Amino acid sequence: MDSRRNFVKKGVLLGSVLSLSPDMAFGSNFLNFSEKINIGIIGLGDQGLSMLSLLLNRKDVNVVALCDLNVARVELGVETLKNSGKKAALTFSGDKQSYLDLLSLKEVDAVIIATPHQTRIGIAIDAFSAGKFVGMEVPAATSVEECFDLIKAHEQNGSQMMIMDDLMFRRDMMAAMNMLKENVFGDVFHFKCSYQRNQNIESCDQHNLNNWVTNRHSKNADVYPSSGIAAMAAFSEMNRGNRFETLSTQVSKSAFLNQINKDYELHLNAESSGDVLTTVIKTANDQSIVIAYEGNNCSAQSIGIKIQGSLGTWDRQNQSIRFESDAEIRKWESATAYLEKYDHENWKVFGQKDMVESHFMKHLTLDAFIQSAKGKIKPVLDVYDAATLGVIAPLSDLSVANDGAVQIFPDFTSGAWANANGTKENLRLQTV
């Protein structure tokens, strides 16, 4: 195994160093088939197979390699390829190190990592060493050390990464980004996002007994800040003129989880898993960001997004918007007209397809990844963003363990965030 790992790490000497250009692909032209790219997928669970199916719809992508520890999952991937009429891919499975054989393939330009979240950083580091452009599912890191290791590998090898967070590609999120660009909300001082979903019923499913949902109950930490925080990072221009400075997390008691254990005869760890975790982040630009993780509750699945500024507020939870300039102060109205006015071009042109919104979000996410990988340019959420967002979970764990004590965010950019041209005119909306 060591010789294989060393071989992969030497592979970067044969590959080109990816550009550190500030160009981004958030507003790229969807379905640009000007050139082909060869992609390998590592991890063929539900997310990996979903990505595979979407990739097979593109004329500019060759899926050339598939890898999963579970042979049966690889077989599902092979069957998916066969049913699409596409050329068969090379397959790797049965060994925790099998992905190294995939990374050693010269024909693989980029990889998508959709393995269990505890394994992703190590695989990404090896992919960097092999000179591959990386797309990573969320959540990412499990420790502060992993985040530093990721940055070190990137800076040594030059390979790039994009976080595959599709929520920021929602139609209303992209419209909100346009509104921020146009200063509709004025001087923005507060953001909020939340993850609301009763995950405990899912934990009853044998298929999910070892996934991150069940593992969530092993610690009191926000293990899934990903639902919304990537959009908040983009909204607040994180690492592009602003940065996350401090974090504090408070946790409620486990009343609902105790009831679930009783009703379903489960044995989830209620003592170390509160029903609601609330994390507050302070930014260098004196903004606050609230992240609410509500994995133990009886609420319907939802995300609670809010943007508050000196001129107005958008509250996605109740689909409303309010501007202080209105004749009737504090008058709330439907946000629909504003979201339509500031609709992103990609949604205007391609959003009329016969496709549910969640699928089109994934299409846009993949398109941003593919265009970045083709052009070897900095993606909308890059490796420094991956580390900054990935460190939230371990920092929240430390905060809860110390009665909500404030934790300091590492500056993974070593000060470069302050000079990253994070202006409203460059708010991750460029077209490449």
Protein backbone atom coordinates (compact mmCIF):
# COMPACT_ATOMS: atom_id res chain seq x y z
CA MET A 1 0.00 0.00 0.00
CA ASP A 2 2.83 2.41 0.85
CA SER A 3 4.40 2.04 -2.59
CA ARG A 4 1.08 2.76 -4.27
CA ARG A 5 0.55 5.84 -2.09
CA ASN A 6 4.06 7.12 -2.84
CA PHE A 7 3.48 6.56 -6.55
CA VAL A 8 0.35 8.70 -6.43
CA LYS A 9 2.11 11.45 -4.47
CA LYS A 10 4.85 11.59 -7.10
CA GLY A 11 2.21 11.97 -9.79
CA VAL A 12 1.94 15.71 -9.24
CA LEU A 13 5.38 16.14 -10.85
CA LEU A 14 3.85 14.97 -14.13
CA GLY A 15 0.73 17.10 -13.91
CA SER A 16 0.25 20.78 -14.56
CA VAL A 17 -0.11 23.10 -11.59
CA LEU A 18 -3.61 24.54 -11.59
CA SER A 19 -4.06 28.27 -11.98
CA LEU A 20 -4.79 30.39 -8.91
CA SER A 21 -6.73 32.88 -11.01
CA PRO A 22 -9.49 34.72 -9.10
CA ASP A 23 -11.94 33.96 -11.92
CA MET A 24 -14.89 31.89 -10.77
CA ALA A 25 -17.51 29.78 -12.44
CA PHE A 26 -20.61 30.58 -10.39
CA GLY A 27 -22.27 32.29 -13.33
CA SER A 28 -20.83 30.11 -16.08
CA ASN A 29 -22.79 29.20 -19.18
CA PHE A 30 -24.63 25.99 -18.41
CA LEU A 31 -24.05 23.04 -20.73
CA ASN A 32 -20.99 24.45 -22.49
CA PHE A 33 -19.82 21.42 -24.48
CA SER A 34 -16.76 23.02 -26.09
CA GLU A 35 -14.34 20.41 -24.79
CA LYS A 36 -14.33 17.04 -23.06
CA ILE A 37 -13.21 16.25 -19.53
CA ASN A 38 -12.56 12.83 -17.97
CA ILE A 39 -13.97 12.32 -14.49
CA GLY A 40 -13.65 9.59 -11.88
CA ILE A 41 -16.10 9.12 -9.01
CA ILE A 42 -14.89 7.91 -5.62
CA GLY A 43 -17.83 6.82 -3.47
CA LEU A 44 -21.01 5.44 -5.02
CA GLY A 45 -23.56 5.85 -2.26
CA ASP A 46 -26.75 7.79 -2.93
CA GLN A 47 -24.89 11.06 -3.60
CA GLY A 48 -22.25 9.47 -5.81
CA LEU A 49 -24.79 7.62 -7.94
CA SER A 50 -26.88 10.78 -8.22
CA MET A 51 -23.85 12.68 -9.50
CA LEU A 52 -23.08 9.86 -11.92
CA SER A 53 -26.58 9.97 -13.40
CA LEU A 54 -26.36 13.73 -13.95
CA LEU A 55 -22.88 13.53 -15.45
CA LEU A 56 -24.11 11.00 -17.99
CA ASN A 57 -26.54 13.62 -19.32
CA ARG A 58 -23.62 15.80 -20.45
CA LYS A 59 -21.91 15.54 -23.82
CA ASP A 60 -18.68 17.08 -22.52
CA VAL A 61 -18.02 14.52 -19.77
CA ASN A 62 -16.51 11.06 -19.94
CA VAL A 63 -16.94 9.08 -16.72
CA VAL A 64 -13.85 6.92 -17.01
CA ALA A 65 -13.46 5.41 -13.52
CA LEU A 66 -15.65 4.33 -10.61
CA CYS A 67 -14.57 3.39 -7.09
CA ASP A 68 -16.28 2.25 -3.91
CA LEU A 69 -15.27 -0.01 -1.04
CA ASN A 70 -18.54 -1.86 -1.52
CA VAL A 71 -18.46 -4.02 -4.67
CA ALA A 72 -22.26 -3.95 -4.92
CA ARG A 73 -22.24 -0.14 -5.17
CA VAL A 74 -19.70 -0.29 -7.99
CA GLU A 75 -21.91 -2.77 -9.79
CA LEU A 76 -24.80 -0.29 -9.52
CA GLY A 77 -22.56 2.33 -11.09
CA VAL A 78 -21.59 -0.03 -13.89
CA GLU A 79 -25.25 -0.79 -14.53
CA THR A 80 -26.07 2.94 -14.61
CA LEU A 81 -23.35 3.50 -17.21
CA LYS A 82 -24.54 0.54 -19.27
CA ASN A 83 -28.15 1.72 -19.27
CA SER A 84 -27.07 5.16 -20.48
CA GLY A 85 -25.31 3.68 -23.49
CA LYS A 86 -22.03 5.23 -22.42
CA LYS A 87 -18.64 3.57 -22.66
CA ALA A 88 -17.76 1.30 -19.72
CA ALA A 89 -15.55 2.75 -16.99
CA LEU A 90 -12.63 1.22 -15.14
CA THR A 91 -13.70 0.02 -11.69
CA PHE A 92 -11.94 -0.23 -8.33
CA SER A 93 -13.36 -1.76 -5.15
CA GLY A 94 -12.91 -4.13 -2.24
CA ASP A 95 -10.06 -2.28 -0.55
CA LYS A 96 -9.94 0.96 1.48
CA GLN A 97 -6.95 2.01 -0.63
CA SER A 98 -8.49 1.11 -4.01
CA TYR A 99 -9.09 4.78 -4.78
CA LEU A 100 -5.31 5.22 -5.11
CA ASP A 101 -5.38 3.05 -8.22
CA LEU A 102 -8.05 5.36 -9.68
CA LEU A 103 -5.96 8.44 -8.83
CA SER A 104 -2.94 6.95 -10.57
CA LEU A 105 -4.79 6.97 -13.91
CA LYS A 106 -3.28 9.64 -16.17
CA GLU A 107 -6.50 9.92 -18.16
CA VAL A 108 -8.50 11.12 -15.12
CA ASP A 109 -8.64 14.94 -15.12
CA ALA A 110 -10.90 15.42 -12.11
CA VAL A 111 -12.53 13.40 -9.35
CA ILE A 112 -15.71 13.73 -7.33
CA ILE A 113 -15.38 12.48 -3.76
CA ALA A 114 -18.67 11.27 -2.28
CA THR A 115 -17.39 8.82 0.35
CA PRO A 116 -18.41 8.90 4.05
CA HIS A 117 -17.41 12.30 5.42
CA GLN A 118 -14.81 10.88 7.81
CA THR A 119 -12.70 9.76 4.82
CA ARG A 120 -12.98 12.69 2.42
CA ILE A 121 -10.06 14.87 3.46
CA GLY A 122 -7.52 12.05 3.23
CA ILE A 123 -8.74 11.11 -0.23
CA ALA A 124 -8.73 14.76 -1.33
CA ILE A 125 -5.12 15.16 -0.18
CA ASP A 126 -4.10 12.11 -2.20
CA ALA A 127 -6.03 13.50 -5.19
CA PHE A 128 -4.11 16.78 -4.88
CA SER A 129 -0.87 14.83 -4.85
CA ALA A 130 -1.96 13.08 -8.03
CA GLY A 131 -2.65 16.43 -9.70
CA LYS A 132 -6.43 16.00 -9.93
CA PHE A 133 -9.05 18.74 -9.75
CA VAL A 134 -11.33 17.75 -6.85
CA GLY A 135 -15.06 18.08 -6.26
CA MET A 136 -16.04 17.18 -2.68
CA GLU A 137 -19.44 16.43 -1.22
CA VAL A 138 -20.36 18.05 2.11
CA PRO A 139 -19.81 17.92 5.01
CA ALA A 140 -16.03 17.76 4.72
CA ALA A 141 -13.57 17.83 7.63
CA THR A 142 -13.92 16.19 11.03
CA SER A 143 -11.00 17.96 12.78
CA VAL A 144 -9.04 21.20 12.78
CA GLU A 145 -5.92 19.25 11.86
CA GLU A 146 -7.57 17.85 8.73
CA CYS A 147 -8.31 21.38 7.54
CA PHE A 148 -4.69 22.44 7.94
CA ASP A 149 -3.55 19.24 6.20
CA LEU A 150 -5.85 20.05 3.27
CA ILE A 151 -4.45 23.57 2.88
CA LYS A 152 -0.87 22.31 3.15
CA ALA A 153 -1.47 19.74 0.40
CA HIS A 154 -3.05 22.35 -1.86
CA GLU A 155 -0.21 24.83 -1.40
CA GLN A 156 2.42 22.16 -1.98
CA ASN A 157 0.82 20.75 -5.12
CA GLY A 158 -1.31 23.53 -6.58
CA SER A 159 -4.36 21.35 -7.24
CA GLN A 160 -7.76 22.94 -6.77
CA MET A 161 -11.02 21.89 -5.11
CA MET A 162 -14.67 22.85 -5.26
CA ILE A 163 -17.18 22.11 -2.52
CA MET A 164 -20.22 20.48 -4.14
CA ASP A 165 -22.83 22.39 -2.14
CA ASP A 166 -25.93 22.66 -4.29
CA LEU A 167 -28.03 24.78 -1.92
CA MET A 168 -26.29 27.97 -3.01
CA PHE A 169 -27.44 27.18 -6.55
CA ARG A 170 -31.11 27.27 -5.59
CA ARG A 171 -33.09 29.70 -7.68
CA ASP A 172 -33.94 31.97 -4.76
CA MET A 173 -30.37 31.85 -3.41
CA MET A 174 -28.93 32.95 -6.73
CA ALA A 175 -31.54 35.71 -6.94
CA ALA A 176 -30.59 36.81 -3.43
CA MET A 177 -26.95 36.92 -4.55
CA ASN A 178 -27.95 39.28 -7.34
CA MET A 179 -29.86 41.42 -4.84
CA LEU A 180 -26.78 41.65 -2.65
CA LYS A 181 -24.71 42.58 -5.69
CA GLU A 182 -27.14 45.40 -6.43
CA ASN A 183 -27.09 46.57 -2.78
CA VAL A 184 -30.83 46.01 -2.41
CA PHE A 185 -30.51 45.27 1.34
CA GLY A 186 -28.05 48.08 2.03
CA ASP A 187 -25.36 47.55 4.64
CA VAL A 188 -25.89 43.89 5.58
CA PHE A 189 -25.28 43.08 9.23
CA HIS A 190 -26.89 39.68 9.87
CA PHE A 191 -27.45 36.30 8.19
CA LYS A 192 -29.22 33.17 9.39
CA CYS A 193 -29.41 29.61 8.11
CA SER A 194 -30.73 26.40 9.61
CA TYR A 195 -31.11 22.70 9.00
CA GLN A 196 -34.45 21.34 10.16
CA ARG A 197 -35.13 17.67 9.65
CA ASN A 198 -36.23 14.78 11.84
CA GLN A 199 -33.28 12.51 11.15
CA ASN A 200 -34.05 10.05 13.90
CA ILE A 201 -36.69 8.17 11.91
CA GLU A 202 -34.05 7.73 9.19
CA SER A 203 -31.79 6.21 11.80
CA CYS A 204 -34.29 3.37 12.19
CA ASP A 205 -33.52 2.30 8.62
CA GLN A 206 -30.89 -0.46 8.55
CA HIS A 207 -29.40 1.11 5.43
CA ASN A 208 -28.54 4.21 7.45
CA LEU A 209 -27.23 2.68 10.68
CA ASN A 210 -23.62 3.61 9.94
CA ASN A 211 -24.10 6.87 8.08
CA TRP A 212 -23.39 10.39 9.30
CA VAL A 213 -27.01 10.84 10.44
CA THR A 214 -26.64 8.14 13.06
CA ASN A 215 -23.07 9.15 13.87
CA ARG A 216 -24.45 12.60 14.61
CA HIS A 217 -25.60 11.29 17.99
CA SER A 218 -22.07 10.51 19.11
CA LYS A 219 -21.21 14.13 19.86
CA ASN A 220 -22.73 17.49 20.66
CA ALA A 221 -21.58 19.46 17.65
CA ASP A 222 -23.03 20.96 14.52
CA VAL A 223 -21.89 18.14 12.26
CA TYR A 224 -23.91 19.45 9.32
CA PRO A 225 -23.58 23.24 9.04
CA SER A 226 -23.41 22.70 5.29
CA SER A 227 -27.12 23.28 4.71
CA GLY A 228 -27.03 27.02 4.20
CA ILE A 229 -23.62 28.05 5.51
CA ALA A 230 -21.97 27.86 2.05
CA ALA A 231 -24.51 30.36 0.76
CA MET A 232 -23.97 32.52 3.85
CA ALA A 233 -20.23 32.38 3.18
CA ALA A 234 -20.79 33.60 -0.37
CA PHE A 235 -23.30 36.23 0.78
CA SER A 236 -20.84 37.60 3.36
CA GLU A 237 -17.88 37.48 0.92
CA MET A 238 -15.95 35.09 3.17
CA ASN A 239 -12.26 34.89 2.24
CA ARG A 240 -12.85 37.63 -0.34
CA GLY A 241 -12.70 40.81 1.71
CA ASN A 242 -14.21 39.29 4.86
CA ARG A 243 -13.55 36.30 7.09
CA PHE A 244 -15.09 34.28 9.90
CA GLU A 245 -13.39 35.32 13.15
CA THR A 246 -15.10 33.64 16.09
CA LEU A 247 -17.68 30.96 16.84
CA SER A 248 -19.76 29.97 19.84
CA THR A 249 -22.23 27.07 20.07
CA GLN A 250 -24.98 26.45 22.60
CA VAL A 251 -27.03 23.26 22.86
CA SER A 252 -30.48 22.48 24.19
CA LYS A 253 -31.52 19.43 26.20
CA SER A 254 -32.55 16.19 24.46
CA ALA A 255 -36.28 16.09 25.15
CA PHE A 256 -37.39 15.14 21.66
CA LEU A 257 -34.61 12.59 21.20
CA ASN A 258 -35.50 10.94 24.51
CA GLN A 259 -39.08 10.64 23.30
CA ILE A 260 -37.96 9.11 19.99
CA ASN A 261 -35.84 6.56 21.84
CA LYS A 262 -38.87 5.62 23.91
CA ASP A 263 -41.37 5.49 21.03
CA TYR A 264 -39.18 3.54 18.61
CA GLU A 265 -37.12 1.55 21.12
CA LEU A 266 -33.92 3.12 19.84
CA HIS A 267 -30.70 3.58 21.75
CA LEU A 268 -29.44 6.84 20.28
CA ASN A 269 -27.18 8.75 22.66
CA ALA A 270 -29.46 11.42 24.09
CA GLU A 271 -26.96 12.42 26.76
CA SER A 272 -24.47 13.71 24.21
CA SER A 273 -26.87 14.94 21.53
CA GLY A 274 -29.06 17.96 22.19
CA ASP A 275 -32.20 18.58 20.15
CA VAL A 276 -31.08 21.98 18.83
CA LEU A 277 -27.59 23.39 18.44
CA THR A 278 -27.24 27.13 17.79
CA THR A 279 -23.95 28.50 16.52
CA VAL A 280 -23.15 32.20 16.25
CA ILE A 281 -20.30 33.34 13.99
CA LYS A 282 -18.82 36.85 14.03
CA THR A 283 -17.09 38.11 10.89
CA ALA A 284 -14.24 40.57 10.44
CA ASN A 285 -16.75 43.02 8.94
CA ASP A 286 -18.81 42.94 12.16
CA GLN A 287 -21.60 40.79 10.78
CA SER A 288 -23.25 37.97 12.68
CA ILE A 289 -24.25 34.62 11.22
CA VAL A 290 -26.55 32.24 13.10
CA ILE A 291 -26.52 28.54 12.21
CA ALA A 292 -29.27 26.42 13.77
CA TYR A 293 -28.90 22.65 13.57
CA GLU A 294 -32.25 21.03 14.34
CA GLY A 295 -31.75 17.38 13.53
CA ASN A 296 -33.86 16.24 16.48
CA ASN A 297 -37.30 17.80 16.13
CA CYS A 298 -40.77 17.19 14.80
CA SER A 299 -40.64 20.07 12.29
CA ALA A 300 -40.99 19.49 8.58
CA GLN A 301 -37.77 19.48 6.59
CA SER A 302 -36.81 23.07 5.92
CA ILE A 303 -33.99 25.56 5.68
CA GLY A 304 -34.34 28.90 7.43
CA ILE A 305 -32.51 31.61 5.49
CA LYS A 306 -32.51 35.28 6.44
CA ILE A 307 -30.61 38.32 5.19
CA GLN A 308 -30.88 41.55 7.18
CA GLY A 309 -29.48 44.90 6.09
CA SER A 310 -29.90 48.61 6.73
CA LEU A 311 -32.42 48.93 3.89
CA GLY A 312 -34.36 45.70 4.14
CA THR A 313 -34.76 42.05 5.14
CA TRP A 314 -35.46 38.85 3.24
CA ASP A 315 -36.89 35.97 5.28
CA ARG A 316 -37.05 32.82 3.21
CA GLN A 317 -38.82 30.89 5.97
CA ASN A 318 -42.05 32.79 5.40
CA GLN A 319 -41.28 33.81 1.79
CA SER A 320 -41.45 37.50 2.64
CA ILE A 321 -39.43 40.68 2.24
CA ARG A 322 -39.55 44.09 3.88
CA PHE A 323 -37.95 47.45 3.10
CA GLU A 324 -37.62 50.33 5.52
CA SER A 325 -38.30 52.79 2.71
CA ASP A 326 -41.87 51.54 2.35
CA ALA A 327 -44.55 54.11 3.14
CA GLU A 328 -46.00 51.77 5.72
CA ILE A 329 -43.09 50.97 8.01
CA ARG A 330 -42.52 47.28 8.74
CA LYS A 331 -44.87 46.17 6.02
CA TRP A 332 -44.03 42.64 4.92
CA GLU A 333 -44.85 41.52 1.40
CA SER A 334 -44.33 38.45 -0.72
CA ALA A 335 -40.75 38.11 -1.96
CA THR A 336 -41.86 36.51 -5.24
CA ALA A 337 -41.75 39.65 -7.37
CA TYR A 338 -38.28 40.58 -6.15
CA LEU A 339 -36.91 37.08 -6.65
CA GLU A 340 -38.26 37.12 -10.21
CA LYS A 341 -36.78 40.57 -10.89
CA TYR A 342 -33.32 39.48 -9.75
CA ASP A 343 -33.52 35.95 -11.16
CA HIS A 344 -30.11 34.64 -12.23
CA GLU A 345 -29.53 34.31 -15.96
CA ASN A 346 -28.93 30.56 -15.77
CA TRP A 347 -32.33 30.04 -14.19
CA LYS A 348 -34.02 32.35 -16.71
CA VAL A 349 -32.55 30.46 -19.65
CA PHE A 350 -32.43 26.89 -18.40
CA GLY A 351 -34.80 26.81 -15.42
CA GLN A 352 -37.83 26.18 -17.59
CA LYS A 353 -36.72 22.63 -18.28
CA ASP A 354 -39.00 19.79 -17.26
CA MET A 355 -36.94 19.20 -14.12
CA VAL A 356 -37.61 19.58 -10.41
CA GLU A 357 -35.66 22.37 -8.75
CA SER A 358 -33.46 20.08 -6.66
CA HIS A 359 -32.21 18.30 -9.77
CA PHE A 360 -31.47 21.53 -11.60
CA MET A 361 -29.55 22.81 -8.56
CA LYS A 362 -27.31 19.75 -8.86
CA HIS A 363 -26.93 20.39 -12.59
CA LEU A 364 -25.73 23.93 -11.91
CA THR A 365 -23.39 22.70 -9.17
CA LEU A 366 -21.86 20.16 -11.53
CA ASP A 367 -21.63 22.73 -14.29
CA ALA A 368 -19.69 25.14 -12.06
CA PHE A 369 -17.37 22.29 -11.08
CA ILE A 370 -16.86 21.10 -14.66
CA GLN A 371 -16.23 24.58 -16.05
CA SER A 372 -13.72 25.30 -13.27
CA ALA A 373 -11.96 21.98 -13.83
CA LYS A 374 -11.82 22.53 -17.60
CA GLY A 375 -10.38 26.01 -17.25
CA LYS A 376 -8.23 25.12 -14.24
CA ILE A 377 -9.59 28.17 -12.46
CA LYS A 378 -10.55 28.99 -8.91
CA PRO A 379 -14.09 27.67 -8.29
CA VAL A 380 -16.93 29.43 -6.53
CA LEU A 381 -16.10 27.61 -3.26
CA ASP A 382 -12.43 26.70 -3.24
CA VAL A 383 -10.03 24.83 -0.97
CA TYR A 384 -9.70 27.74 1.49
CA ASP A 385 -13.48 27.91 1.72
CA ALA A 386 -13.56 24.13 2.21
CA ALA A 387 -11.25 24.44 5.22
CA THR A 388 -13.06 27.47 6.66
CA LEU A 389 -16.46 25.81 6.41
CA GLY A 390 -15.12 22.38 7.33
CA VAL A 391 -13.64 23.64 10.59
CA ILE A 392 -17.05 24.77 11.88
CA ALA A 393 -18.01 21.27 13.06
CA PRO A 394 -14.88 20.60 15.16
CA LEU A 395 -14.90 24.18 16.52
CA SER A 396 -18.55 23.83 17.56
CA ASP A 397 -17.63 20.55 19.28
CA LEU A 398 -14.92 22.37 21.25
CA SER A 399 -17.29 25.22 22.09
CA VAL A 400 -20.02 22.94 23.45
CA ALA A 401 -17.48 20.93 25.43
CA ASN A 402 -16.40 24.20 27.07
CA ASP A 403 -19.87 25.53 27.94
CA GLY A 404 -20.23 27.61 24.80
CA ALA A 405 -16.78 29.19 25.00
CA VAL A 406 -15.81 31.34 22.02
CA GLN A 407 -13.52 29.59 19.52
CA ILE A 408 -11.16 31.39 17.15
CA PHE A 409 -11.28 30.56 13.44
CA PRO A 410 -7.89 29.78 11.93
CA ASP A 411 -7.03 32.08 9.03
CA PHE A 412 -6.32 29.46 6.40
CA THR A 413 -5.57 32.18 3.83
CA SER A 414 -2.71 33.65 5.94
CA GLY A 415 -4.12 37.13 5.54
CA ALA A 416 -4.87 36.92 1.81
CA TRP A 417 -8.63 37.22 2.49
CA ALA A 418 -8.27 40.96 3.09
CA ASN A 419 -6.95 41.56 -0.43
CA ALA A 420 -9.13 39.14 -2.34
CA ASN A 421 -11.20 41.77 -4.17
CA GLY A 422 -14.36 40.76 -2.35
CA THR A 423 -16.39 43.72 -3.60
CA LYS A 424 -20.05 43.75 -4.54
CA GLU A 425 -19.04 43.91 -8.21
CA ASN A 426 -17.10 40.66 -7.82
CA LEU A 427 -19.53 38.78 -5.60
CA ARG A 428 -18.99 35.29 -7.07
CA LEU A 429 -21.18 36.00 -10.05
CA GLN A 430 -18.64 36.30 -12.85
CA THR A 431 -19.23 34.60 -16.16
CA VAL A 432 -16.29 32.65 -17.55
